[in-house]
Protein backbone atom coordinates (compact mmCIF):
# COMPACT_ATOMS: atom_id res chain seq x y z
CA MET A 1 41.88 14.26 51.79
CA LYS A 2 42.69 14.18 47.42
CA SER A 3 39.81 15.02 45.72
CA ARG A 4 37.81 12.89 43.27
CA SER A 5 38.42 13.69 38.95
CA PHE A 6 35.73 14.79 37.42
CA ASP A 7 35.25 12.78 33.82
CA SER A 8 34.49 15.69 31.48
CA ARG A 9 33.60 12.94 29.11
CA TRP A 10 30.00 12.82 31.61
CA LEU A 11 29.68 16.13 31.10
CA ILE A 12 29.35 15.91 27.84
CA PHE A 13 27.33 12.73 27.67
CA LEU A 14 24.51 14.92 30.45
CA VAL A 15 24.66 18.07 27.90
CA ILE A 16 23.70 16.09 25.31
CA MET A 17 20.98 13.92 26.73
CA VAL A 18 19.58 17.20 28.37
CA SER A 19 19.34 18.84 24.75
CA VAL A 20 18.08 15.15 22.74
CA LEU A 21 15.55 14.63 26.23
CA THR A 22 14.10 18.16 25.65
CA THR A 23 13.60 18.06 21.71
CA SER A 24 12.07 14.36 22.05
CA ILE A 25 9.20 15.69 24.83
CA TYR A 26 8.73 18.43 22.01
CA LEU A 27 8.33 16.31 18.91
CA ASN A 28 6.18 14.07 21.12
CA ASN A 29 3.73 16.71 22.52
CA GLN A 30 3.74 17.67 18.58
CA HIS A 31 3.17 14.33 16.91
CA ASN A 32 -0.64 13.34 16.87
CA ASP A 33 -1.73 9.83 17.02
CA ASN A 34 -1.92 8.82 12.95
CA THR A 35 -3.22 5.91 12.05
CA ALA A 36 -4.93 4.31 9.16
CA ASN A 37 -8.25 5.42 11.23
CA LYS A 38 -7.78 8.72 9.75
CA VAL A 39 -8.35 6.96 6.16
CA THR A 40 -11.59 5.42 7.85
CA ASN A 41 -12.97 8.58 8.43
CA THR A 42 -12.24 9.85 5.05
CA ILE A 43 -14.79 6.94 4.00
CA SER A 44 -18.88 6.57 4.11
CA ALA A 45 -19.66 3.06 2.90
CA ASP A 46 -23.34 2.40 1.97
CA ASN A 47 -24.60 -0.54 3.50
CA GLY A 48 -28.30 0.35 2.01
CA ASP A 49 -28.80 -3.43 1.01
CA LEU A 50 -28.46 -4.55 4.41
CA LYS A 51 -31.60 -2.29 5.01
CA ILE A 52 -33.96 -3.63 2.49
CA ASN A 53 -37.05 -5.99 4.08
CA TRP A 54 -37.49 -8.29 0.95
CA ASN A 55 -40.35 -9.99 2.42
CA ARG A 56 -42.43 -7.00 2.01
CA TYR A 57 -41.82 -7.55 -1.83
CA PRO A 58 -43.54 -10.14 -4.39
CA THR A 59 -40.75 -13.18 -5.54
CA THR A 60 -41.31 -14.33 -9.23
CA ASP A 61 -39.42 -17.89 -10.36
CA ILE A 62 -38.26 -17.48 -14.31
CA GLU A 63 -36.60 -20.24 -16.22
CA LEU A 64 -34.58 -17.80 -19.20
CA SER A 65 -35.39 -18.76 -22.20
CA GLU A 66 -35.40 -15.09 -23.81
CA SER A 67 -34.52 -11.36 -23.14
CA LEU A 68 -35.98 -10.49 -20.00
CA ILE A 69 -37.29 -6.91 -18.84
CA ILE A 70 -38.20 -6.17 -15.21
CA THR A 71 -39.99 -2.80 -14.29
CA GLU A 72 -41.75 -3.98 -11.06
CA SER A 73 -39.65 -4.13 -7.47
CA GLY A 74 -39.09 -7.14 -6.14
CA THR A 75 -37.38 -10.73 -6.39
CA TYR A 76 -36.31 -12.61 -9.25
CA HIS A 77 -35.59 -16.16 -8.97
CA LEU A 78 -34.19 -16.68 -12.09
CA THR A 79 -32.73 -20.08 -13.45
CA GLY A 80 -32.09 -22.00 -16.93
CA SER A 81 -29.74 -20.29 -19.61
CA LEU A 82 -30.39 -17.27 -22.36
CA SER A 83 -28.22 -17.34 -25.90
CA ASP A 84 -27.92 -14.07 -27.47
CA GLY A 85 -30.05 -12.36 -24.90
CA LEU A 86 -29.96 -10.06 -21.91
CA VAL A 87 -31.46 -9.06 -18.93
CA THR A 88 -32.93 -5.47 -18.57
CA ILE A 89 -34.20 -3.64 -15.22
CA ARG A 90 -36.07 -0.49 -15.50
CA ALA A 91 -37.61 0.00 -12.27
CA ARG A 92 -39.25 3.51 -11.19
CA GLU A 93 -36.69 5.74 -9.09
CA ASP A 94 -37.17 4.30 -5.78
CA GLY A 95 -37.57 0.59 -6.76
CA VAL A 96 -35.57 -2.31 -5.41
CA VAL A 97 -35.23 -5.57 -7.67
CA ARG A 98 -33.39 -8.41 -6.25
CA LEU A 99 -31.77 -10.92 -8.80
CA ILE A 100 -31.38 -14.71 -7.86
CA LEU A 101 -29.06 -15.90 -10.59
CA ASP A 102 -29.41 -20.39 -9.92
CA ASN A 103 -26.80 -21.71 -12.05
CA VAL A 104 -27.65 -19.24 -14.60
CA THR A 105 -25.77 -18.71 -18.09
CA ILE A 106 -26.20 -15.75 -19.82
CA SER A 107 -24.52 -14.44 -23.53
CA ASN A 108 -25.04 -11.66 -25.79
CA SER A 109 -23.06 -11.12 -28.86
CA SER A 110 -24.21 -7.32 -29.21
CA GLY A 111 -24.62 -6.28 -25.52
CA PRO A 112 -24.40 -6.82 -21.99
CA ALA A 113 -26.08 -9.78 -19.61
CA ILE A 114 -27.61 -7.53 -17.36
CA ALA A 115 -28.67 -4.10 -17.43
CA CYS A 116 -30.06 -1.92 -15.28
CA TYR A 117 -31.10 1.59 -16.01
CA SER A 118 -33.26 3.10 -13.25
CA GLY A 119 -33.94 2.17 -9.58
CA ASP A 120 -33.07 2.62 -6.48
CA ASP A 121 -31.21 -0.85 -5.45
CA LEU A 122 -30.19 -3.60 -7.55
CA VAL A 123 -29.25 -6.98 -5.42
CA ILE A 124 -27.56 -9.68 -7.58
CA GLU A 125 -27.76 -12.91 -5.02
CA LEU A 126 -24.99 -16.02 -6.52
CA VAL A 127 -26.54 -19.59 -5.90
CA GLY A 128 -24.43 -22.13 -7.96
CA GLU A 129 -22.41 -21.65 -10.99
CA ASN A 130 -23.23 -18.92 -12.82
CA THR A 131 -21.64 -17.68 -16.21
CA LEU A 132 -22.14 -14.34 -17.95
CA GLU A 133 -20.64 -13.27 -21.34
CA ASP A 134 -21.01 -10.22 -23.16
CA GLY A 135 -20.33 -9.06 -27.08
CA VAL A 136 -17.34 -7.90 -28.05
CA THR A 137 -19.09 -4.98 -30.06
CA TYR A 138 -22.14 -3.33 -28.46
CA SER A 139 -24.94 -2.54 -30.83
CA ALA A 140 -25.93 1.23 -31.40
CA GLU A 141 -28.94 0.89 -29.03
CA PHE A 142 -26.76 0.81 -25.96
CA ASP A 143 -25.22 4.58 -25.38
CA GLU A 144 -21.50 4.83 -24.73
CA ASP A 145 -21.96 4.64 -21.52
CA VAL A 146 -23.36 0.94 -20.80
CA THR A 147 -19.34 -0.33 -20.78
CA GLY A 148 -19.79 -3.54 -18.52
CA ALA A 149 -20.78 -7.17 -18.58
CA ILE A 150 -22.90 -6.20 -15.79
CA TYR A 151 -24.26 -2.67 -16.20
CA SER A 152 -26.03 -0.69 -12.77
CA LYS A 153 -26.80 3.26 -12.58
CA ALA A 154 -28.19 2.02 -9.22
CA ASP A 155 -26.81 0.81 -6.15
CA LEU A 156 -25.42 -2.34 -7.14
CA THR A 157 -24.77 -5.00 -4.84
CA PHE A 158 -23.38 -8.61 -5.08
CA ASP A 159 -24.69 -11.53 -2.12
CA GLY A 160 -24.41 -15.09 -1.99
CA GLU A 161 -22.35 -17.90 -1.87
CA GLY A 162 -22.39 -19.08 -5.18
CA SER A 163 -20.11 -18.40 -8.29
CA LEU A 164 -19.73 -16.12 -11.05
CA ASP A 165 -18.01 -16.43 -13.65
CA LEU A 166 -17.88 -13.27 -16.56
CA ALA A 167 -16.36 -12.60 -19.59
CA ALA A 168 -16.36 -9.03 -20.29
CA ASN A 169 -15.39 -9.02 -23.91
CA TYR A 170 -16.18 -5.49 -24.82
CA ALA A 171 -14.70 -3.63 -22.17
CA ASP A 172 -15.62 -3.70 -18.28
CA GLY A 173 -16.88 -6.69 -15.97
CA LEU A 174 -18.91 -5.14 -13.08
CA VAL A 175 -19.94 -1.46 -13.45
CA GLY A 176 -22.12 0.36 -11.11
CA LYS A 177 -22.46 3.91 -12.02
CA ASP A 178 -23.52 4.20 -8.10
CA ASP A 179 -22.10 2.50 -5.24
CA LEU A 180 -20.83 -1.20 -5.82
CA LYS A 181 -20.85 -4.00 -3.09
CA ILE A 182 -19.64 -7.14 -2.71
CA ASN A 183 -20.55 -9.01 0.41
CA ASN A 184 -19.57 -12.64 -0.59
CA GLY A 185 -19.32 -15.15 -3.18
CA ASN A 186 -16.65 -16.83 -5.57
CA TYR A 187 -15.64 -14.46 -8.74
CA LYS A 188 -14.00 -14.75 -11.88
CA ILE A 189 -13.68 -11.87 -14.39
CA THR A 190 -11.86 -11.60 -17.31
CA ALA A 191 -12.29 -8.31 -18.81
CA ASN A 192 -10.90 -6.07 -21.66
CA ASP A 193 -10.66 -3.08 -20.07
CA ASP A 194 -11.65 -2.44 -16.17
CA GLY A 195 -12.64 -5.70 -14.18
CA ILE A 196 -14.64 -4.38 -10.94
CA ARG A 197 -15.64 -0.04 -11.44
CA GLY A 198 -17.82 1.59 -9.11
CA LYS A 199 -18.04 5.32 -9.39
CA ASP A 200 -18.97 6.33 -6.36
CA SER A 201 -17.54 3.02 -4.58
CA VAL A 202 -16.14 -0.10 -4.09
CA TYR A 203 -17.12 -2.02 -0.71
CA ILE A 204 -16.37 -5.49 -1.13
CA VAL A 205 -16.58 -7.30 2.07
CA ASP A 206 -15.72 -10.42 1.35
CA GLY A 207 -15.39 -13.44 -1.44
CA ASP A 208 -12.59 -15.38 -3.55
CA PHE A 209 -11.79 -13.14 -6.73
CA ASN A 210 -9.84 -14.05 -9.30
CA ILE A 211 -9.42 -10.67 -12.20
CA ASN A 212 -7.56 -10.66 -15.03
CA ALA A 213 -7.87 -7.42 -16.64
CA LYS A 214 -6.31 -5.29 -19.18
CA ALA A 215 -6.45 -1.98 -17.40
CA ASP A 216 -7.58 -1.74 -13.88
CA ALA A 217 -8.87 -4.36 -11.75
CA ILE A 218 -10.66 -2.75 -9.08
CA LYS A 219 -11.37 1.10 -9.15
CA SER A 220 -13.87 3.62 -7.89
CA THR A 221 -13.94 7.09 -9.88
CA ASN A 222 -15.63 9.60 -8.46
CA GLU A 223 -13.66 13.06 -8.51
CA THR A 224 -16.50 15.41 -7.14
CA ASP A 225 -17.77 13.87 -3.59
CA THR A 226 -15.24 13.75 -1.31
CA ASP A 227 -17.13 11.20 0.36
CA LYS A 228 -17.29 8.75 -2.59
CA GLY A 229 -14.74 7.48 -4.82
CA PHE A 230 -13.25 5.17 -2.42
CA VAL A 231 -12.14 1.47 -2.40
CA MET A 232 -12.60 -0.25 0.74
CA ILE A 233 -11.95 -4.34 1.13
CA GLU A 234 -12.61 -6.04 4.50
CA ASN A 235 -11.93 -9.61 3.47
CA GLY A 236 -11.46 -12.01 0.98
CA ASN A 237 -9.11 -13.20 -1.27
CA TYR A 238 -7.58 -11.89 -4.25
CA ASN A 239 -5.63 -12.78 -7.19
CA ILE A 240 -5.30 -9.88 -9.62
CA VAL A 241 -3.30 -9.87 -12.89
CA ALA A 242 -4.17 -6.11 -14.41
CA GLY A 243 -2.38 -4.60 -17.64
CA ALA A 244 -2.74 -0.67 -15.24
CA LYS A 245 -3.54 -0.78 -11.76
CA GLY A 246 -3.97 -3.28 -9.56
CA ILE A 247 -6.63 -1.61 -7.24
CA LYS A 248 -7.19 2.26 -7.78
CA ALA A 249 -9.33 5.29 -6.02
CA ILE A 250 -9.58 8.68 -6.93
CA ASN A 251 -10.20 9.54 -3.03
CA SER A 252 -9.07 6.46 -0.99
CA VAL A 253 -8.18 3.15 -0.56
CA LEU A 254 -8.79 0.68 2.64
CA ILE A 255 -7.76 -2.33 2.90
CA GLN A 256 -8.52 -4.33 6.16
CA ASN A 257 -7.40 -7.93 6.51
CA GLY A 258 -7.43 -10.05 3.00
CA ASN A 259 -4.91 -12.52 1.10
CA PHE A 260 -3.53 -10.79 -1.60
CA SER A 261 -1.29 -11.65 -4.88
CA LEU A 262 -1.04 -8.70 -7.50
CA GLN A 263 0.50 -8.57 -10.86
CA THR A 264 0.64 -4.96 -12.38
CA TYR A 265 1.93 -3.48 -15.16
CA ASP A 266 1.51 0.16 -13.23
CA ASP A 267 0.85 0.37 -9.59
CA ALA A 268 -0.29 -2.42 -7.46
CA VAL A 269 -2.82 -0.22 -5.32
CA HIS A 270 -3.01 3.75 -5.72
CA SER A 271 -5.11 6.78 -4.38
CA ASN A 272 -4.77 10.36 -5.34
CA ASN A 273 -5.51 10.85 -1.77
CA TYR A 274 -5.14 8.09 0.74
CA VAL A 275 -4.33 4.89 1.30
CA GLY A 276 -4.94 2.79 4.48
CA ILE A 277 -3.71 -0.52 5.36
CA ILE A 278 -4.49 -2.60 8.56
CA ASN A 279 -3.71 -6.56 8.41
CA GLY A 280 -3.72 -8.57 5.87
CA LYS A 281 -1.34 -10.49 3.88
CA ILE A 282 -0.17 -8.39 0.57
CA ASN A 283 2.23 -10.23 -2.54
CA ILE A 284 2.80 -7.30 -5.38
CA THR A 285 5.00 -7.90 -8.72
CA SER A 286 4.57 -4.27 -10.49
CA GLY A 287 5.72 -2.52 -13.42
CA ASP A 288 5.80 0.82 -11.05
CA ASP A 289 5.33 1.48 -7.73
CA GLY A 290 4.02 -1.15 -5.31
CA ILE A 291 1.72 1.48 -3.24
CA HIS A 292 0.97 4.52 -3.79
CA ALA A 293 -0.85 7.43 -2.75
CA ASP A 294 -0.55 11.09 -3.76
CA ARG A 295 -1.15 12.44 -0.12
CA GLU A 296 -0.59 10.06 2.73
CA LEU A 297 0.02 6.14 3.12
CA ILE A 298 -0.63 4.64 6.61
CA ILE A 299 0.43 1.04 7.53
CA ASP A 300 -1.18 -0.21 11.16
CA GLY A 301 0.03 -4.30 10.34
CA GLY A 302 -0.03 -7.30 8.09
CA THR A 303 2.50 -8.85 5.73
CA ILE A 304 3.32 -6.71 2.60
CA THR A 305 6.36 -8.22 0.58
CA VAL A 306 6.96 -6.22 -2.38
CA ALA A 307 8.99 -9.14 -5.14
CA LYS A 308 9.66 -6.48 -7.56
CA ALA A 309 8.48 -2.82 -8.50
CA TYR A 310 9.75 0.32 -9.28
CA GLU A 311 9.14 1.79 -5.86
CA GLY A 312 7.88 -0.08 -3.43
CA LEU A 313 5.93 2.54 -0.87
CA GLU A 314 5.48 6.13 -2.27
CA ALA A 315 3.45 9.20 -0.87
CA GLN A 316 4.00 12.60 0.43
CA VAL A 317 3.76 11.61 3.92
CA VAL A 318 4.60 7.60 4.73
CA THR A 319 3.49 6.36 8.27
CA ILE A 320 4.70 2.65 9.76
CA ASN A 321 2.97 1.84 12.63
CA ASN A 322 3.31 -2.13 12.66
CA GLY A 323 3.42 -5.01 10.23
CA LYS A 324 6.15 -7.30 8.28
CA ILE A 325 7.42 -5.45 5.27
CA SER A 326 9.83 -6.55 2.44
CA LEU A 327 10.51 -4.31 -0.55
CA THR A 328 12.96 -5.40 -3.60
CA THR A 329 13.15 -2.58 -5.49
CA SER A 330 14.55 -0.89 -8.90
CA ASP A 331 14.71 2.37 -7.36
CA ASP A 332 13.66 3.97 -4.12
CA GLY A 333 12.34 0.94 -1.44
CA ILE A 334 10.39 3.86 0.48
CA ASN A 335 9.84 7.14 -1.06
CA ALA A 336 8.18 9.88 0.61
CA GLY A 337 7.91 12.70 -1.99
CA GLY A 338 5.02 15.58 -2.79
CA GLY A 339 2.68 15.90 -5.49
CA ALA A 340 1.08 13.50 -8.34
CA ASP A 341 2.42 10.01 -9.02
CA ALA A 342 6.04 9.30 -9.43
CA SER A 343 6.16 6.54 -11.82
CA ALA A 344 9.31 5.68 -13.60
CA THR A 345 10.37 7.45 -16.96
CA ASN A 346 8.03 6.33 -19.43
CA ARG A 347 5.53 4.62 -17.61
CA ILE A 348 1.73 5.26 -16.67
CA GLY A 349 1.53 8.32 -14.72
CA ALA A 350 4.85 9.59 -14.70
CA SER A 351 5.47 13.09 -13.54
CA PRO A 352 8.07 13.57 -10.82
CA PHE A 353 8.34 14.61 -7.40
CA ALA A 354 9.54 17.92 -6.64
CA ALA A 355 11.21 18.13 -2.96
CA ASP A 356 8.60 19.37 -0.23
CA GLU A 357 9.79 19.97 3.82
CA ASN A 358 6.36 18.56 4.21
CA CYS A 359 7.20 15.53 2.88
CA VAL A 360 7.66 13.31 6.03
CA LEU A 361 8.63 9.34 6.14
CA SER A 362 7.98 7.62 9.52
CA ILE A 363 8.53 4.27 10.98
CA ASN A 364 7.16 3.62 14.41
CA GLY A 365 7.08 -0.12 14.85
CA GLY A 366 7.21 -2.98 12.51
CA GLU A 367 10.07 -5.46 10.66
CA LEU A 368 11.28 -3.90 7.57
CA TYR A 369 13.87 -5.35 4.85
CA ILE A 370 14.67 -3.08 1.83
CA ASN A 371 16.91 -4.06 -1.07
CA ALA A 372 16.97 -1.53 -3.40
CA SER A 373 18.65 -0.02 -5.83
CA GLY A 374 18.02 3.05 -5.76
CA ASP A 375 18.03 4.96 -2.31
CA GLY A 376 16.67 2.71 0.43
CA VAL A 377 14.78 4.74 2.81
CA ASP A 378 13.97 8.13 1.00
CA SER A 379 12.25 11.30 2.04
CA ASN A 380 12.41 14.32 0.31
CA GLY A 381 11.55 16.18 3.48
CA TRP A 382 11.79 15.05 6.97
CA LEU A 383 12.57 11.05 8.04
CA TYR A 384 11.75 9.75 11.52
CA ILE A 385 12.37 6.53 13.09
CA ASN A 386 10.57 6.04 16.26
CA GLY A 387 10.82 2.04 16.77
CA GLY A 388 10.89 -1.06 14.86
CA ASN A 389 13.07 -3.36 13.17
CA THR A 390 14.69 -1.54 9.90
CA ILE A 391 17.20 -3.21 7.09
CA VAL A 392 19.03 -1.76 4.72
CA ASP A 393 21.11 -3.30 1.70
CA GLY A 394 21.11 -0.15 -0.36
CA PRO A 395 22.40 1.05 -3.47
CA THR A 396 25.85 -0.30 -5.01
CA ASN A 397 26.58 2.66 -7.17
CA ASN A 398 27.30 6.22 -5.33
CA GLY A 399 24.67 8.08 -6.95
CA ASN A 400 22.37 6.69 -3.86
CA GLY A 401 22.11 5.94 -0.62
CA ALA A 402 20.72 3.57 2.14
CA LEU A 403 19.62 6.44 4.00
CA ASP A 404 18.46 9.64 1.88
CA SER A 405 16.39 12.90 3.52
CA GLY A 406 16.14 15.94 1.95
CA MET A 407 16.09 17.72 5.17
CA GLY A 408 17.24 15.37 8.18
CA ILE A 409 16.94 12.26 10.33
CA VAL A 410 15.63 11.83 13.58
CA MET A 411 15.93 8.16 15.12
CA ASN A 412 14.23 8.19 18.78
CA GLY A 413 13.79 4.64 19.25
CA GLY A 414 14.05 1.05 17.39
CA GLU A 415 16.91 -0.49 15.54
CA VAL A 416 18.47 0.22 12.00
CA ILE A 417 21.18 -1.33 9.92
CA ALA A 418 21.47 0.48 6.81
CA LEU A 419 24.57 -0.87 3.92
CA GLY A 420 25.00 0.96 0.60
CA SER A 421 27.01 2.75 -1.10
CA SER A 422 29.31 5.65 0.67
CA GLY A 423 29.34 8.69 -2.14
CA MET A 424 25.60 9.20 -0.94
CA ALA A 425 25.71 8.13 2.87
CA GLU A 426 23.79 10.09 5.53
CA THR A 427 23.70 9.10 8.95
CA LEU A 428 21.30 8.57 11.53
CA GLY A 429 21.61 12.18 12.80
CA SER A 430 23.23 14.07 15.44
CA SER A 431 19.71 15.20 16.92
CA SER A 432 17.88 11.98 17.46
CA SER A 433 17.78 10.57 20.83
CA VAL A 434 19.25 7.02 20.25
CA PHE A 435 23.17 6.64 19.70
CA ASN A 436 24.32 6.02 16.22
CA VAL A 437 27.48 4.80 14.48
CA SER A 438 28.35 5.94 10.58
CA MET A 439 31.17 3.45 9.35
CA TYR A 440 33.16 3.97 6.39
CA PHE A 441 35.46 1.22 4.93
CA ASP A 442 38.23 2.09 2.76
CA SER A 443 37.13 -0.57 0.47
CA GLN A 444 33.96 -2.25 -0.82
CA GLN A 445 32.90 -5.10 0.75
CA SER A 446 31.94 -8.31 -0.53
CA ALA A 447 28.09 -9.57 -1.14
CA LYS A 448 27.15 -12.08 1.83
CA THR A 449 29.47 -10.55 4.42
CA LYS A 450 28.43 -11.31 8.16
CA ILE A 451 28.69 -8.24 9.96
CA GLU A 452 28.32 -8.50 13.78
CA ILE A 453 29.02 -5.49 16.46
CA LYS A 454 29.96 -6.72 19.68
CA ASN A 455 30.31 -4.67 23.08
CA SER A 456 33.22 -5.37 26.01
CA LYS A 457 31.49 -8.37 26.72
CA ASN A 458 31.56 -10.06 23.41
CA GLU A 459 28.26 -9.70 23.38
CA THR A 460 26.47 -9.59 19.97
CA VAL A 461 24.54 -6.00 19.88
CA VAL A 462 23.61 -6.21 16.21
CA SER A 463 24.17 -8.67 13.40
CA HIS A 464 23.59 -8.78 9.71
CA THR A 465 24.57 -10.65 6.52
CA SER A 466 24.60 -8.39 3.59
CA ALA A 467 22.56 -9.28 0.63
CA LYS A 468 25.28 -6.84 -1.77
CA THR A 469 28.33 -5.45 -2.02
CA PHE A 470 28.85 -2.45 0.27
CA SER A 471 31.37 0.47 1.62
CA HIS A 472 29.22 2.33 4.21
CA ILE A 473 26.97 1.16 7.12
CA ALA A 474 24.95 3.12 9.17
CA VAL A 475 23.87 1.61 12.70
CA GLY A 476 21.19 3.10 15.32
CA SER A 477 20.44 0.78 18.80
CA GLU A 478 19.00 1.35 22.11
CA LYS A 479 21.79 -0.96 22.38
CA PHE A 480 24.50 1.10 22.59
CA GLN A 481 25.49 3.02 25.36
CA PHE A 482 27.42 6.06 25.87
CA GLY A 483 31.24 5.59 26.90
CA GLU A 484 30.92 1.90 25.49
CA SER A 485 33.30 0.58 23.45
CA TYR A 486 32.51 -1.88 20.32
CA THR A 487 34.39 -3.59 18.02
CA ILE A 488 33.45 -4.65 14.48
CA TYR A 489 33.56 -8.32 13.25
CA LEU A 490 33.19 -9.11 9.12
CA ASP A 491 32.71 -12.74 8.42
CA GLY A 492 34.06 -13.49 12.29
CA GLU A 493 37.27 -11.66 12.21
CA GLU A 494 37.73 -8.60 13.81
CA ASN A 495 37.40 -5.45 11.47
CA ARG A 496 37.89 -2.18 13.67
CA ASN A 497 36.85 -0.82 17.32
CA PHE A 498 35.03 2.41 18.40
CA THR A 499 34.00 4.22 21.72
CA ILE A 500 30.28 5.74 21.49
CA SER A 501 31.46 9.19 22.60
CA SER A 502 28.82 11.27 20.79
CA ILE A 503 25.28 10.55 19.48
CA THR A 504 26.72 9.95 15.81
CA THR A 505 29.38 8.31 16.25
CA THR A 506 31.77 8.38 12.78
CA VAL A 507 34.20 5.45 12.19
CA GLY A 508 36.57 5.74 9.03
CA ASN A 509 36.88 8.61 6.42
CA ASN A 510 34.38 10.73 6.34
CA ASN A 511 32.68 11.55 3.65
CA VAL A 512 29.15 12.11 4.34
CA ASN A 513 26.94 15.70 3.23
CA GLN A 514 25.48 16.82 6.44
CA PRO A 515 21.97 16.99 6.54
CA MET A 516 19.91 20.13 7.54
CA THR A 517 18.91 20.84 11.29
CA PRO A 518 15.51 18.91 11.55
CA PRO A 519 12.32 21.19 12.60
CA ASN A 520 10.65 20.36 16.61
CA ARG A 521 8.55 17.62 15.09
CA ARG A 522 8.19 14.26 14.83
């Protein structure tokens, strides 16, 4: 009786898979759920305006004709117009004042239109169409702290379904020195400095906003209270043009739903701590980063399109759990780095990241397309791909790579197609649990080349048409099978054949710099 021969390839495969599965199980146990709820937990939103029972206070109807000073709590229903004057609130410390602006026009050639110097809460309710304008200069009676066409030292809330056309000729548009909240309404703000600024917080529940600011459009500035200094946006429509940053917070930025068009000279969205995005539609044209967080950026869903930026997404730790993301950048598409803002040379906030093993980029789901002149997907530390579909049309110069990691790449799921130059090309990692291929071409391939990889049954496994020239492709797919033969087609013509023989299969001349072995984490 003949004994059956044992194919040694399957022994190799078994050893590889046992090692990979053991590592993957360990990594899964080490990795905690990382969602934008982490950002939510850093925010303590102020809803004090909802607790005020205005029926307890009197209502006074006033037709404006001259400057008005309010000292008592209550509702003040304002109509008419005021030329070269202002409304001043000087309530006691626990005072609450509601201004109903009912088709009001206020202009002041030498100061703000509305100024609140004391009180607990100021609520401004918009009815109809309202127009406010401050002066190009402020008179000496206003101290240097008063910089807004609407200014409040008390908690400031905007409500109502009316509109506000605000011309801030001196500096800022809406300024709250405490918490600033907007529940709804329609706002057109033109500002010589910042558009909307709340020291402790800016919390927008809903509304329509057209903001043209020479500095930042929406910002929060508290540097001392860890529960403050945040911007939280839940819904609304935002058309923003900013000479500096679009949405900026010292602490955290949380965006949940809403439609955004951001055209900015500096970062479109910026936080010195966390940025969390949950759904919504965000379109960005930026002179620097599209979305930047010094510490951590978490994207849980939504549609994000960066049509132009220096770098698309940037933070020390970047986590993408879901969403449809398209990035077109002059440098890196996604960059996980450590430290302060890594802006382009000679732009606001320039300070390069240093390499850091704590830098982590995790792609857990979503659909990503990246067209980058620098590195496509770059981590100064570790790069983990656990799901989703990622396509990279990377650099054409040999000083960058479609994929780049300082420490290593681990692919545990999803699909990746990364095209670019071969000089700094990196594989998808031999420590991965998904089979991947690193393909080198002897000559540069043309832009708009249709790339197809088919299995032995002539079934297409992956397909992509290149946006630029390329000489290297890194492909990882859960459809790849050990021991299976595949054929690469370029524009329908057979280019070469290969067989999956290990986690990473190299095809062509291998010039790659091997990455370091990744740590036991995911």
